[in-house]
Amino acid sequence: MKNICIIFDHPYTATAYDNEPHHRSFSAALLQKIKDGVADNDNVSLDVIDLHADNFDPVMHEADLSTWRRRQPINEQVANYQERLLAADEIFFVFPIWWESMPAMTKGFIDKVIAPGMI
């Protein structure tokens, strides 16, 4: 079985896939299409990390940096994310491109979770 992990970042969360005015996300619609596409495939396991729904804190605080430098998980949420990424055969990021860059929450996820020596 192929394990796929998707890191999803949009303030409206993955639930904003319907065309509802002022609460819709093209990124969420893409994610829903992916979910629909693998729903009947017994050879694929899909794990979605929805950063906003999880209230992920992307800021590298002083205590976080000290822990990170010792190559330890910053907190239980980060440890959980690391376990899920290590279990994945493929990892995808789904997020909007704002101001020609990834959202700050995605950048914080990379900085805090994909740490040297941890992943």
PDB file of N, CA and C in Angstrom:
ATOM      1  N   MET A   1       0.835  -1.175   0.000  1.00  0.00           N
ATOM      2  CA  MET A   1       0.000   0.000   0.000  1.00  0.00           C
ATOM      3  C   MET A   1       0.885   1.246   0.000  1.00  0.00           C
ATOM      4  N   LYS A   2       0.503   2.228  -0.796  1.00  0.00           N
ATOM      5  CA  LYS A   2       1.228   3.491  -0.861  1.00  0.00           C
ATOM      6  C   LYS A   2       0.605   4.467   0.128  1.00  0.00           C
ATOM      7  N   ASN A   3       1.441   5.031   0.996  1.00  0.00           N
ATOM      8  CA  ASN A   3       1.003   6.024   1.972  1.00  0.00           C
ATOM      9  C   ASN A   3       1.356   7.420   1.469  1.00  0.00           C
ATOM     10  N   ILE A   4       0.345   8.253   1.295  1.00  0.00           N
ATOM     11  CA  ILE A   4       0.540   9.615   0.821  1.00  0.00           C
ATOM     12  C   ILE A   4       0.144  10.580   1.935  1.00  0.00           C
ATOM     13  N   CYS A   5       1.012  11.521   2.218  1.00  0.00           N
ATOM     14  CA  CYS A   5       0.724  12.554   3.204  1.00  0.00           C
ATOM     15  C   CYS A   5       0.653  13.901   2.479  1.00  0.00           C
ATOM     16  N   ILE A   6      -0.427  14.638   2.729  1.00  0.00           N
ATOM     17  CA  ILE A   6      -0.599  15.955   2.134  1.00  0.00           C
ATOM     18  C   ILE A   6      -0.600  16.986   3.254  1.00  0.00           C
ATOM     19  N   ILE A   7       0.261  17.981   3.129  1.00  0.00           N
ATOM     20  CA  ILE A   7       0.270  19.099   4.057  1.00  0.00           C
ATOM     21  C   ILE A   7      -0.542  20.196   3.387  1.00  0.00           C
ATOM     22  N   PHE A   8      -1.663  20.567   4.029  1.00  0.00           N
ATOM     23  CA  PHE A   8      -2.598  21.522   3.452  1.00  0.00           C
ATOM     24  C   PHE A   8      -2.574  22.816   4.260  1.00  0.00           C
ATOM     25  N   ASP A   9      -2.466  23.932   3.550  1.00  0.00           N
ATOM     26  CA  ASP A   9      -2.405  25.230   4.213  1.00  0.00           C
ATOM     27  C   ASP A   9      -3.325  26.226   3.515  1.00  0.00           C
ATOM     28  N   HIS A  10      -4.425  26.529   4.148  1.00  0.00           N
ATOM     29  CA  HIS A  10      -5.308  27.623   3.723  1.00  0.00           C
ATOM     30  C   HIS A  10      -6.131  28.026   4.933  1.00  0.00           C
ATOM     31  N   PRO A  11      -6.282  29.343   5.170  1.00  0.00           N
ATOM     32  CA  PRO A  11      -7.027  29.793   6.351  1.00  0.00           C
ATOM     33  C   PRO A  11      -8.454  29.258   6.448  1.00  0.00           C
ATOM     34  N   TYR A  12      -9.096  28.969   5.316  1.00  0.00           N
ATOM     35  CA  TYR A  12     -10.460  28.444   5.355  1.00  0.00           C
ATOM     36  C   TYR A  12     -10.498  26.952   5.655  1.00  0.00           C
ATOM     37  N   THR A  13      -9.394  26.306   5.768  1.00  0.00           N
ATOM     38  CA  THR A  13      -9.215  24.867   5.998  1.00  0.00           C
ATOM     39  C   THR A  13      -9.671  24.054   4.785  1.00  0.00           C
ATOM     40  N   ALA A  14      -9.498  22.757   4.890  1.00  0.00           N
ATOM     41  CA  ALA A  14      -9.828  21.852   3.781  1.00  0.00           C
ATOM     42  C   ALA A  14     -11.324  21.731   3.545  1.00  0.00           C
ATOM     43  N   THR A  15     -12.128  22.289   4.432  1.00  0.00           N
ATOM     44  CA  THR A  15     -13.585  22.193   4.274  1.00  0.00           C
ATOM     45  C   THR A  15     -14.143  23.208   3.275  1.00  0.00           C
ATOM     46  N   ALA A  16     -13.327  24.112   2.773  1.00  0.00           N
ATOM     47  CA  ALA A  16     -13.797  25.204   1.910  1.00  0.00           C
ATOM     48  C   ALA A  16     -13.748  24.839   0.429  1.00  0.00           C
ATOM     49  N   TYR A  17     -14.115  23.604   0.093  1.00  0.00           N
ATOM     50  CA  TYR A  17     -14.024  23.158  -1.297  1.00  0.00           C
ATOM     51  C   TYR A  17     -15.274  23.452  -2.112  1.00  0.00           C
ATOM     52  N   ASP A  18     -16.393  23.750  -1.466  1.00  0.00           N
ATOM     53  CA  ASP A  18     -17.595  24.115  -2.214  1.00  0.00           C
ATOM     54  C   ASP A  18     -17.483  25.561  -2.690  1.00  0.00           C
ATOM     55  N   ASN A  19     -18.231  25.894  -3.719  1.00  0.00           N
ATOM     56  CA  ASN A  19     -18.178  27.234  -4.286  1.00  0.00           C
ATOM     57  C   ASN A  19     -19.080  28.184  -3.496  1.00  0.00           C
ATOM     58  N   GLU A  20     -18.760  28.362  -2.229  1.00  0.00           N
ATOM     59  CA  GLU A  20     -19.526  29.229  -1.333  1.00  0.00           C
ATOM     60  C   GLU A  20     -18.854  30.606  -1.295  1.00  0.00           C
ATOM     61  N   PRO A  21     -19.551  31.652  -1.696  1.00  0.00           N
ATOM     62  CA  PRO A  21     -18.934  32.991  -1.708  1.00  0.00           C
ATOM     63  C   PRO A  21     -18.326  33.364  -0.354  1.00  0.00           C
ATOM     64  N   HIS A  22     -17.152  33.949  -0.410  1.00  0.00           N
ATOM     65  CA  HIS A  22     -16.409  34.434   0.761  1.00  0.00           C
ATOM     66  C   HIS A  22     -15.973  33.313   1.703  1.00  0.00           C
ATOM     67  N   HIS A  23     -16.080  32.086   1.264  1.00  0.00           N
ATOM     68  CA  HIS A  23     -15.547  30.949   2.031  1.00  0.00           C
ATOM     69  C   HIS A  23     -15.272  29.805   1.057  1.00  0.00           C
ATOM     70  N   ARG A  24     -14.401  30.092   0.096  1.00  0.00           N
ATOM     71  CA  ARG A  24     -14.049  29.063  -0.872  1.00  0.00           C
ATOM     72  C   ARG A  24     -12.551  29.145  -1.136  1.00  0.00           C
ATOM     73  N   SER A  25     -12.012  28.002  -1.449  1.00  0.00           N
ATOM     74  CA  SER A  25     -10.576  27.898  -1.662  1.00  0.00           C
ATOM     75  C   SER A  25     -10.306  26.972  -2.842  1.00  0.00           C
ATOM     76  N   PHE A  26      -9.583  27.480  -3.821  1.00  0.00           N
ATOM     77  CA  PHE A  26      -9.179  26.635  -4.945  1.00  0.00           C
ATOM     78  C   PHE A  26      -8.287  25.499  -4.441  1.00  0.00           C
ATOM     79  N   SER A  27      -7.441  25.793  -3.467  1.00  0.00           N
ATOM     80  CA  SER A  27      -6.576  24.757  -2.894  1.00  0.00           C
ATOM     81  C   SER A  27      -7.406  23.649  -2.251  1.00  0.00           C
ATOM     82  N   ALA A  28      -8.468  24.033  -1.530  1.00  0.00           N
ATOM     83  CA  ALA A  28      -9.346  23.031  -0.912  1.00  0.00           C
ATOM     84  C   ALA A  28     -10.076  22.213  -1.971  1.00  0.00           C
ATOM     85  N   ALA A  29     -10.466  22.865  -3.080  1.00  0.00           N
ATOM     86  CA  ALA A  29     -11.120  22.136  -4.174  1.00  0.00           C
ATOM     87  C   ALA A  29     -10.160  21.123  -4.792  1.00  0.00           C
ATOM     88  N   LEU A  30      -8.881  21.503  -4.956  1.00  0.00           N
ATOM     89  CA  LEU A  30      -7.878  20.560  -5.469  1.00  0.00           C
ATOM     90  C   LEU A  30      -7.712  19.378  -4.516  1.00  0.00           C
ATOM     91  N   LEU A  31      -7.626  19.674  -3.228  1.00  0.00           N
ATOM     92  CA  LEU A  31      -7.485  18.614  -2.238  1.00  0.00           C
ATOM     93  C   LEU A  31      -8.684  17.667  -2.275  1.00  0.00           C
ATOM     94  N   GLN A  32      -9.883  18.208  -2.402  1.00  0.00           N
ATOM     95  CA  GLN A  32     -11.079  17.362  -2.461  1.00  0.00           C
ATOM     96  C   GLN A  32     -11.050  16.457  -3.691  1.00  0.00           C
ATOM     97  N   LYS A  33     -10.582  16.977  -4.825  1.00  0.00           N
ATOM     98  CA  LYS A  33     -10.456  16.143  -6.040  1.00  0.00           C
ATOM     99  C   LYS A  33      -9.470  15.003  -5.801  1.00  0.00           C
ATOM    100  N   ILE A  34      -8.384  15.289  -5.117  1.00  0.00           N
ATOM    101  CA  ILE A  34      -7.416  14.236  -4.795  1.00  0.00           C
ATOM    102  C   ILE A  34      -8.076  13.177  -3.911  1.00  0.00           C
ATOM    103  N   LYS A  35      -8.788  13.629  -2.880  1.00  0.00           N
ATOM    104  CA  LYS A  35      -9.486  12.692  -1.984  1.00  0.00           C
ATOM    105  C   LYS A  35     -10.488  11.833  -2.761  1.00  0.00           C
ATOM    106  N   ASP A  36     -11.258  12.470  -3.628  1.00  0.00           N
ATOM    107  CA  ASP A  36     -12.234  11.734  -4.430  1.00  0.00           C
ATOM    108  C   ASP A  36     -11.538  10.721  -5.334  1.00  0.00           C
ATOM    109  N   GLY A  37     -10.378  11.110  -5.861  1.00  0.00           N
ATOM    110  CA  GLY A  37      -9.656  10.237  -6.782  1.00  0.00           C
ATOM    111  C   GLY A  37      -9.076   8.997  -6.141  1.00  0.00           C
ATOM    112  N   VAL A  38      -8.745   9.066  -4.874  1.00  0.00           N
ATOM    113  CA  VAL A  38      -8.155   7.901  -4.200  1.00  0.00           C
ATOM    114  C   VAL A  38      -9.143   7.177  -3.291  1.00  0.00           C
ATOM    115  N   ALA A  39     -10.357   7.689  -3.183  1.00  0.00           N
ATOM    116  CA  ALA A  39     -11.341   7.119  -2.248  1.00  0.00           C
ATOM    117  C   ALA A  39     -11.592   5.635  -2.485  1.00  0.00           C
ATOM    118  N   ASP A  40     -11.633   5.209  -3.730  1.00  0.00           N
ATOM    119  CA  ASP A  40     -11.942   3.809  -4.038  1.00  0.00           C
ATOM    120  C   ASP A  40     -10.701   2.972  -4.315  1.00  0.00           C
ATOM    121  N   ASN A  41      -9.531   3.544  -4.082  1.00  0.00           N
ATOM    122  CA  ASN A  41      -8.295   2.833  -4.345  1.00  0.00           C
ATOM    123  C   ASN A  41      -7.781   2.215  -3.043  1.00  0.00           C
ATOM    124  N   ASP A  42      -7.898   0.898  -2.945  1.00  0.00           N
ATOM    125  CA  ASP A  42      -7.462   0.200  -1.738  1.00  0.00           C
ATOM    126  C   ASP A  42      -5.942   0.164  -1.592  1.00  0.00           C
ATOM    127  N   ASN A  43      -5.220   0.581  -2.648  1.00  0.00           N
ATOM    128  CA  ASN A  43      -3.761   0.555  -2.612  1.00  0.00           C
ATOM    129  C   ASN A  43      -3.155   1.872  -2.162  1.00  0.00           C
ATOM    130  N   VAL A  44      -4.011   2.846  -1.807  1.00  0.00           N
ATOM    131  CA  VAL A  44      -3.526   4.161  -1.402  1.00  0.00           C
ATOM    132  C   VAL A  44      -4.146   4.557  -0.069  1.00  0.00           C
ATOM    133  N   SER A  45      -3.284   4.978   0.841  1.00  0.00           N
ATOM    134  CA  SER A  45      -3.725   5.526   2.114  1.00  0.00           C
ATOM    135  C   SER A  45      -3.389   7.014   2.102  1.00  0.00           C
ATOM    136  N   LEU A  46      -4.374   7.854   2.398  1.00  0.00           N
ATOM    137  CA  LEU A  46      -4.196   9.303   2.337  1.00  0.00           C
ATOM    138  C   LEU A  46      -4.279   9.892   3.741  1.00  0.00           C
ATOM    139  N   ASP A  47      -3.260  10.630   4.119  1.00  0.00           N
ATOM    140  CA  ASP A  47      -3.203  11.308   5.413  1.00  0.00           C
ATOM    141  C   ASP A  47      -3.070  12.806   5.139  1.00  0.00           C
ATOM    142  N   VAL A  48      -4.044  13.597   5.597  1.00  0.00           N
ATOM    143  CA  VAL A  48      -4.026  15.036   5.360  1.00  0.00           C
ATOM    144  C   VAL A  48      -3.719  15.757   6.667  1.00  0.00           C
ATOM    145  N   ILE A  49      -2.689  16.583   6.622  1.00  0.00           N
ATOM    146  CA  ILE A  49      -2.362  17.474   7.730  1.00  0.00           C
ATOM    147  C   ILE A  49      -2.898  18.846   7.337  1.00  0.00           C
ATOM    148  N   ASP A  50      -3.947  19.285   8.013  1.00  0.00           N
ATOM    149  CA  ASP A  50      -4.590  20.575   7.735  1.00  0.00           C
ATOM    150  C   ASP A  50      -4.086  21.565   8.790  1.00  0.00           C
ATOM    151  N   LEU A  51      -3.106  22.361   8.425  1.00  0.00           N
ATOM    152  CA  LEU A  51      -2.403  23.196   9.392  1.00  0.00           C
ATOM    153  C   LEU A  51      -3.321  24.167  10.136  1.00  0.00           C
ATOM    154  N   HIS A  52      -4.242  24.799   9.432  1.00  0.00           N
ATOM    155  CA  HIS A  52      -5.133  25.754  10.098  1.00  0.00           C
ATOM    156  C   HIS A  52      -6.154  25.038  10.982  1.00  0.00           C
ATOM    157  N   ALA A  53      -6.683  23.935  10.526  1.00  0.00           N
ATOM    158  CA  ALA A  53      -7.634  23.172  11.346  1.00  0.00           C
ATOM    159  C   ALA A  53      -6.951  22.659  12.617  1.00  0.00           C
ATOM    160  N   ASP A  54      -5.656  22.370  12.517  1.00  0.00           N
ATOM    161  CA  ASP A  54      -4.888  21.879  13.670  1.00  0.00           C
ATOM    162  C   ASP A  54      -4.364  23.010  14.554  1.00  0.00           C
ATOM    163  N   ASN A  55      -4.616  24.255  14.161  1.00  0.00           N
ATOM    164  CA  ASN A  55      -4.086  25.423  14.898  1.00  0.00           C
ATOM    165  C   ASN A  55      -2.572  25.350  15.076  1.00  0.00           C
ATOM    166  N   PHE A  56      -1.889  24.953  14.008  1.00  0.00           N
ATOM    167  CA  PHE A  56      -0.431  24.865  14.037  1.00  0.00           C
ATOM    168  C   PHE A  56       0.169  26.258  14.237  1.00  0.00           C
ATOM    169  N   ASP A  57       1.127  26.367  15.147  1.00  0.00           N
ATOM    170  CA  ASP A  57       1.830  27.626  15.397  1.00  0.00           C
ATOM    171  C   ASP A  57       3.127  27.618  14.591  1.00  0.00           C
ATOM    172  N   PRO A  58       3.205  28.432  13.530  1.00  0.00           N
ATOM    173  CA  PRO A  58       4.385  28.403  12.682  1.00  0.00           C
ATOM    174  C   PRO A  58       5.576  29.201  13.217  1.00  0.00           C
ATOM    175  N   VAL A  59       5.389  29.933  14.293  1.00  0.00           N
ATOM    176  CA  VAL A  59       6.442  30.802  14.812  1.00  0.00           C
ATOM    177  C   VAL A  59       7.486  29.978  15.558  1.00  0.00           C
ATOM    178  N   MET A  60       8.744  30.226  15.240  1.00  0.00           N
ATOM    179  CA  MET A  60       9.848  29.578  15.956  1.00  0.00           C
ATOM    180  C   MET A  60      10.176  30.435  17.175  1.00  0.00           C
ATOM    181  N   HIS A  61       9.608  30.054  18.315  1.00  0.00           N
ATOM    182  CA  HIS A  61       9.837  30.789  19.561  1.00  0.00           C
ATOM    183  C   HIS A  61      11.205  30.427  20.129  1.00  0.00           C
ATOM    184  N   GLU A  62      11.661  31.216  21.085  1.00  0.00           N
ATOM    185  CA  GLU A  62      12.989  30.989  21.676  1.00  0.00           C
ATOM    186  C   GLU A  62      13.136  29.573  22.221  1.00  0.00           C
ATOM    187  N   ALA A  63      12.152  29.105  22.971  1.00  0.00           N
ATOM    188  CA  ALA A  63      12.219  27.752  23.539  1.00  0.00           C
ATOM    189  C   ALA A  63      12.189  26.696  22.429  1.00  0.00           C
ATOM    190  N   ASP A  64      11.428  26.984  21.362  1.00  0.00           N
ATOM    191  CA  ASP A  64      11.363  26.054  20.225  1.00  0.00           C
ATOM    192  C   ASP A  64      12.734  25.906  19.584  1.00  0.00           C
ATOM    193  N   LEU A  65      13.411  27.027  19.388  1.00  0.00           N
ATOM    194  CA  LEU A  65      14.708  26.995  18.719  1.00  0.00           C
ATOM    195  C   LEU A  65      15.730  26.228  19.544  1.00  0.00           C
ATOM    196  N   SER A  66      15.700  26.415  20.841  1.00  0.00           N
ATOM    197  CA  SER A  66      16.618  25.683  21.720  1.00  0.00           C
ATOM    198  C   SER A  66      16.380  24.180  21.617  1.00  0.00           C
ATOM    199  N   THR A  67      15.116  23.775  21.633  1.00  0.00           N
ATOM    200  CA  THR A  67      14.763  22.353  21.512  1.00  0.00           C
ATOM    201  C   THR A  67      15.139  21.832  20.135  1.00  0.00           C
ATOM    202  N   TRP A  68      14.823  22.594  19.090  1.00  0.00           N
ATOM    203  CA  TRP A  68      15.127  22.229  17.705  1.00  0.00           C
ATOM    204  C   TRP A  68      16.624  22.010  17.521  1.00  0.00           C
ATOM    205  N   ARG A  69      17.445  22.884  18.121  1.00  0.00           N
ATOM    206  CA  ARG A  69      18.904  22.774  17.977  1.00  0.00           C
ATOM    207  C   ARG A  69      19.450  21.508  18.638  1.00  0.00           C
ATOM    208  N   ARG A  70      18.711  20.985  19.629  1.00  0.00           N
ATOM    209  CA  ARG A  70      19.111  19.732  20.273  1.00  0.00           C
ATOM    210  C   ARG A  70      18.534  18.533  19.533  1.00  0.00           C
ATOM    211  N   ARG A  71      17.909  18.798  18.382  1.00  0.00           N
ATOM    212  CA  ARG A  71      17.337  17.760  17.516  1.00  0.00           C
ATOM    213  C   ARG A  71      16.249  16.951  18.226  1.00  0.00           C
ATOM    214  N   GLN A  72      15.409  17.665  18.956  1.00  0.00           N
ATOM    215  CA  GLN A  72      14.274  17.063  19.633  1.00  0.00           C
ATOM    216  C   GLN A  72      12.998  17.682  19.074  1.00  0.00           C
ATOM    217  N   PRO A  73      11.900  16.935  19.071  1.00  0.00           N
ATOM    218  CA  PRO A  73      10.633  17.531  18.625  1.00  0.00           C
ATOM    219  C   PRO A  73      10.263  18.707  19.530  1.00  0.00           C
ATOM    220  N   ILE A  74       9.789  19.773  18.935  1.00  0.00           N
ATOM    221  CA  ILE A  74       9.453  20.998  19.666  1.00  0.00           C
ATOM    222  C   ILE A  74       8.287  20.774  20.618  1.00  0.00           C
ATOM    223  N   ASN A  75       7.310  19.996  20.173  1.00  0.00           N
ATOM    224  CA  ASN A  75       6.137  19.685  21.004  1.00  0.00           C
ATOM    225  C   ASN A  75       5.492  18.414  20.467  1.00  0.00           C
ATOM    226  N   GLU A  76       4.414  17.977  21.097  1.00  0.00           N
ATOM    227  CA  GLU A  76       3.765  16.729  20.684  1.00  0.00           C
ATOM    228  C   GLU A  76       3.171  16.819  19.281  1.00  0.00           C
ATOM    229  N   GLN A  77       2.659  17.976  18.924  1.00  0.00           N
ATOM    230  CA  GLN A  77       2.101  18.144  17.584  1.00  0.00           C
ATOM    231  C   GLN A  77       3.190  17.965  16.526  1.00  0.00           C
ATOM    232  N   VAL A  78       4.331  18.585  16.739  1.00  0.00           N
ATOM    233  CA  VAL A  78       5.451  18.450  15.806  1.00  0.00           C
ATOM    234  C   VAL A  78       5.922  17.001  15.756  1.00  0.00           C
ATOM    235  N   ALA A  79       6.015  16.335  16.891  1.00  0.00           N
ATOM    236  CA  ALA A  79       6.414  14.918  16.924  1.00  0.00           C
ATOM    237  C   ALA A  79       5.425  14.068  16.126  1.00  0.00           C
ATOM    238  N   ASN A  80       4.129  14.359  16.272  1.00  0.00           N
ATOM    239  CA  ASN A  80       3.101  13.636  15.521  1.00  0.00           C
ATOM    240  C   ASN A  80       3.265  13.866  14.023  1.00  0.00           C
ATOM    241  N   TYR A  81       3.489  15.100  13.624  1.00  0.00           N
ATOM    242  CA  TYR A  81       3.699  15.408  12.205  1.00  0.00           C
ATOM    243  C   TYR A  81       4.932  14.664  11.675  1.00  0.00           C
ATOM    244  N   GLN A  82       5.996  14.645  12.446  1.00  0.00           N
ATOM    245  CA  GLN A  82       7.214  13.967  12.006  1.00  0.00           C
ATOM    246  C   GLN A  82       6.974  12.475  11.812  1.00  0.00           C
ATOM    247  N   GLU A  83       6.255  11.853  12.728  1.00  0.00           N
ATOM    248  CA  GLU A  83       5.923  10.426  12.593  1.00  0.00           C
ATOM    249  C   GLU A  83       5.115  10.183  11.321  1.00  0.00           C
ATOM    250  N   ARG A  84       4.158  11.047  11.063  1.00  0.00           N
ATOM    251  CA  ARG A  84       3.304  10.889   9.886  1.00  0.00           C
ATOM    252  C   ARG A  84       4.104  11.071   8.592  1.00  0.00           C
ATOM    253  N   LEU A  85       5.030  12.012   8.586  1.00  0.00           N
ATOM    254  CA  LEU A  85       5.862  12.205   7.395  1.00  0.00           C
ATOM    255  C   LEU A  85       6.788  11.017   7.177  1.00  0.00           C
ATOM    256  N   LEU A  86       7.352  10.492   8.250  1.00  0.00           N
ATOM    257  CA  LEU A  86       8.238   9.334   8.122  1.00  0.00           C
ATOM    258  C   LEU A  86       7.496   8.094   7.635  1.00  0.00           C
ATOM    259  N   ALA A  87       6.206   7.997   7.927  1.00  0.00           N
ATOM    260  CA  ALA A  87       5.396   6.860   7.479  1.00  0.00           C
ATOM    261  C   ALA A  87       4.953   6.994   6.027  1.00  0.00           C
ATOM    262  N   ALA A  88       5.140   8.167   5.447  1.00  0.00           N
ATOM    263  CA  ALA A  88       4.654   8.430   4.088  1.00  0.00           C
ATOM    264  C   ALA A  88       5.645   7.962   3.027  1.00  0.00           C
ATOM    265  N   ASP A  89       5.089   7.422   1.950  1.00  0.00           N
ATOM    266  CA  ASP A  89       5.895   7.101   0.775  1.00  0.00           C
ATOM    267  C   ASP A  89       6.053   8.327  -0.123  1.00  0.00           C
ATOM    268  N   GLU A  90       5.028   9.165  -0.118  1.00  0.00           N
ATOM    269  CA  GLU A  90       5.038  10.403  -0.897  1.00  0.00           C
ATOM    270  C   GLU A  90       4.471  11.522  -0.042  1.00  0.00           C
ATOM    271  N   ILE A  91       5.033  12.724  -0.210  1.00  0.00           N
ATOM    272  CA  ILE A  91       4.580  13.897   0.531  1.00  0.00           C
ATOM    273  C   ILE A  91       4.270  14.999  -0.482  1.00  0.00           C
ATOM    274  N   PHE A  92       3.084  15.595  -0.320  1.00  0.00           N
ATOM    275  CA  PHE A  92       2.674  16.695  -1.185  1.00  0.00           C
ATOM    276  C   PHE A  92       2.296  17.897  -0.326  1.00  0.00           C
ATOM    277  N   PHE A  93       2.567  19.073  -0.842  1.00  0.00           N
ATOM    278  CA  PHE A  93       2.132  20.313  -0.218  1.00  0.00           C
ATOM    279  C   PHE A  93       1.061  20.928  -1.104  1.00  0.00           C
ATOM    280  N   VAL A  94      -0.048  21.347  -0.504  1.00  0.00           N
ATOM    281  CA  VAL A  94      -1.110  22.043  -1.228  1.00  0.00           C
ATOM    282  C   VAL A  94      -1.345  23.366  -0.510  1.00  0.00           C
ATOM    283  N   PHE A  95      -1.077  24.464  -1.219  1.00  0.00           N
ATOM    284  CA  PHE A  95      -1.267  25.797  -0.649  1.00  0.00           C
ATOM    285  C   PHE A  95      -1.346  26.807  -1.780  1.00  0.00           C
ATOM    286  N   PRO A  96      -1.954  27.961  -1.510  1.00  0.00           N
ATOM    287  CA  PRO A  96      -1.988  29.011  -2.522  1.00  0.00           C
ATOM    288  C   PRO A  96      -0.635  29.730  -2.580  1.00  0.00           C
ATOM    289  N   ILE A  97      -0.318  30.248  -3.733  1.00  0.00           N
ATOM    290  CA  ILE A  97       0.883  31.076  -3.877  1.00  0.00           C
ATOM    291  C   ILE A  97       0.461  32.517  -3.652  1.00  0.00           C
ATOM    292  N   TRP A  98       0.919  33.090  -2.559  1.00  0.00           N
ATOM    293  CA  TRP A  98       0.599  34.475  -2.232  1.00  0.00           C
ATOM    294  C   TRP A  98       1.871  35.301  -2.290  1.00  0.00           C
ATOM    295  N   TRP A  99       1.803  36.423  -2.950  1.00  0.00           N
ATOM    296  CA  TRP A  99       2.937  37.328  -3.056  1.00  0.00           C
ATOM    297  C   TRP A  99       4.188  36.581  -3.530  1.00  0.00           C
ATOM    298  N   GLU A 100       3.975  35.686  -4.476  1.00  0.00           N
ATOM    299  CA  GLU A 100       5.045  34.923  -5.139  1.00  0.00           C
ATOM    300  C   GLU A 100       5.818  34.013  -4.181  1.00  0.00           C
ATOM    301  N   SER A 101       5.167  33.575  -3.121  1.00  0.00           N
ATOM    302  CA  SER A 101       5.841  32.709  -2.157  1.00  0.00           C
ATOM    303  C   SER A 101       4.820  31.809  -1.467  1.00  0.00           C
ATOM    304  N   MET A 102       5.319  30.853  -0.727  1.00  0.00           N
ATOM    305  CA  MET A 102       4.441  29.987   0.060  1.00  0.00           C
ATOM    306  C   MET A 102       3.925  30.772   1.263  1.00  0.00           C
ATOM    307  N   PRO A 103       2.769  30.380   1.814  1.00  0.00           N
ATOM    308  CA  PRO A 103       2.261  31.041   3.016  1.00  0.00           C
ATOM    309  C   PRO A 103       3.214  30.842   4.198  1.00  0.00           C
ATOM    310  N   ALA A 104       3.161  31.774   5.132  1.00  0.00           N
ATOM    311  CA  ALA A 104       4.039  31.734   6.302  1.00  0.00           C
ATOM    312  C   ALA A 104       3.852  30.454   7.114  1.00  0.00           C
ATOM    313  N   MET A 105       2.621  29.946   7.165  1.00  0.00           N
ATOM    314  CA  MET A 105       2.379  28.740   7.949  1.00  0.00           C
ATOM    315  C   MET A 105       3.102  27.537   7.327  1.00  0.00           C
ATOM    316  N   THR A 106       3.125  27.455   6.013  1.00  0.00           N
ATOM    317  CA  THR A 106       3.865  26.376   5.350  1.00  0.00           C
ATOM    318  C   THR A 106       5.358  26.505   5.633  1.00  0.00           C
ATOM    319  N   LYS A 107       5.875  27.725   5.555  1.00  0.00           N
ATOM    320  CA  LYS A 107       7.293  27.963   5.840  1.00  0.00           C
ATOM    321  C   LYS A 107       7.608  27.564   7.276  1.00  0.00           C
ATOM    322  N   GLY A 108       6.728  27.931   8.217  1.00  0.00           N
ATOM    323  CA  GLY A 108       6.939  27.554   9.610  1.00  0.00           C
ATOM    324  C   GLY A 108       6.894  26.051   9.811  1.00  0.00           C
ATOM    325  N   PHE A 109       6.004  25.365   9.066  1.00  0.00           N
ATOM    326  CA  PHE A 109       5.933  23.901   9.134  1.00  0.00           C
ATOM    327  C   PHE A 109       7.266  23.297   8.701  1.00  0.00           C
ATOM    328  N   ILE A 110       7.789  23.776   7.607  1.00  0.00           N
ATOM    329  CA  ILE A 110       9.078  23.261   7.111  1.00  0.00           C
ATOM    330  C   ILE A 110      10.171  23.516   8.143  1.00  0.00           C
ATOM    331  N   ASP A 111      10.216  24.728   8.693  1.00  0.00           N
ATOM    332  CA  ASP A 111      11.259  25.086   9.666  1.00  0.00           C
ATOM    333  C   ASP A 111      11.174  24.250  10.941  1.00  0.00           C
ATOM    334  N   LYS A 112       9.960  24.028  11.441  1.00  0.00           N
ATOM    335  CA  LYS A 112       9.794  23.364  12.737  1.00  0.00           C
ATOM    336  C   LYS A 112       9.710  21.845  12.660  1.00  0.00           C
ATOM    337  N   VAL A 113       9.169  21.328  11.561  1.00  0.00           N
ATOM    338  CA  VAL A 113       8.897  19.881  11.479  1.00  0.00           C
ATOM    339  C   VAL A 113       9.974  19.147  10.705  1.00  0.00           C
ATOM    340  N   ILE A 114      10.397  19.684   9.599  1.00  0.00           N
ATOM    341  CA  ILE A 114      11.392  19.011   8.768  1.00  0.00           C
ATOM    342  C   ILE A 114      12.769  19.489   9.244  1.00  0.00           C
ATOM    343  N   ALA A 115      13.119  19.051  10.422  1.00  0.00           N
ATOM    344  CA  ALA A 115      14.321  19.482  11.092  1.00  0.00           C
ATOM    345  C   ALA A 115      15.507  18.564  10.759  1.00  0.00           C
ATOM    346  N   PRO A 116      16.697  19.125  10.645  1.00  0.00           N
ATOM    347  CA  PRO A 116      17.881  18.302  10.387  1.00  0.00           C
ATOM    348  C   PRO A 116      18.025  17.207  11.445  1.00  0.00           C
ATOM    349  N   GLY A 117      18.251  16.001  10.994  1.00  0.00           N
ATOM    350  CA  GLY A 117      18.437  14.892  11.912  1.00  0.00           C
ATOM    351  C   GLY A 117      17.148  14.265  12.436  1.00  0.00           C
ATOM    352  N   MET A 118      15.998  14.902  12.123  1.00  0.00           N
ATOM    353  CA  MET A 118      14.716  14.382  12.600  1.00  0.00           C
ATOM    354  C   MET A 118      13.951  13.698  11.488  1.00  0.00           C
ATOM    355  N   ILE A 119      14.023  14.233  10.313  1.00  0.00           N
ATOM    356  CA  ILE A 119      13.299  13.692   9.167  1.00  0.00           C
ATOM    357  C   ILE A 119      14.312  13.277   8.117  1.00  0.00           C
TER     358      ILE A 119
END
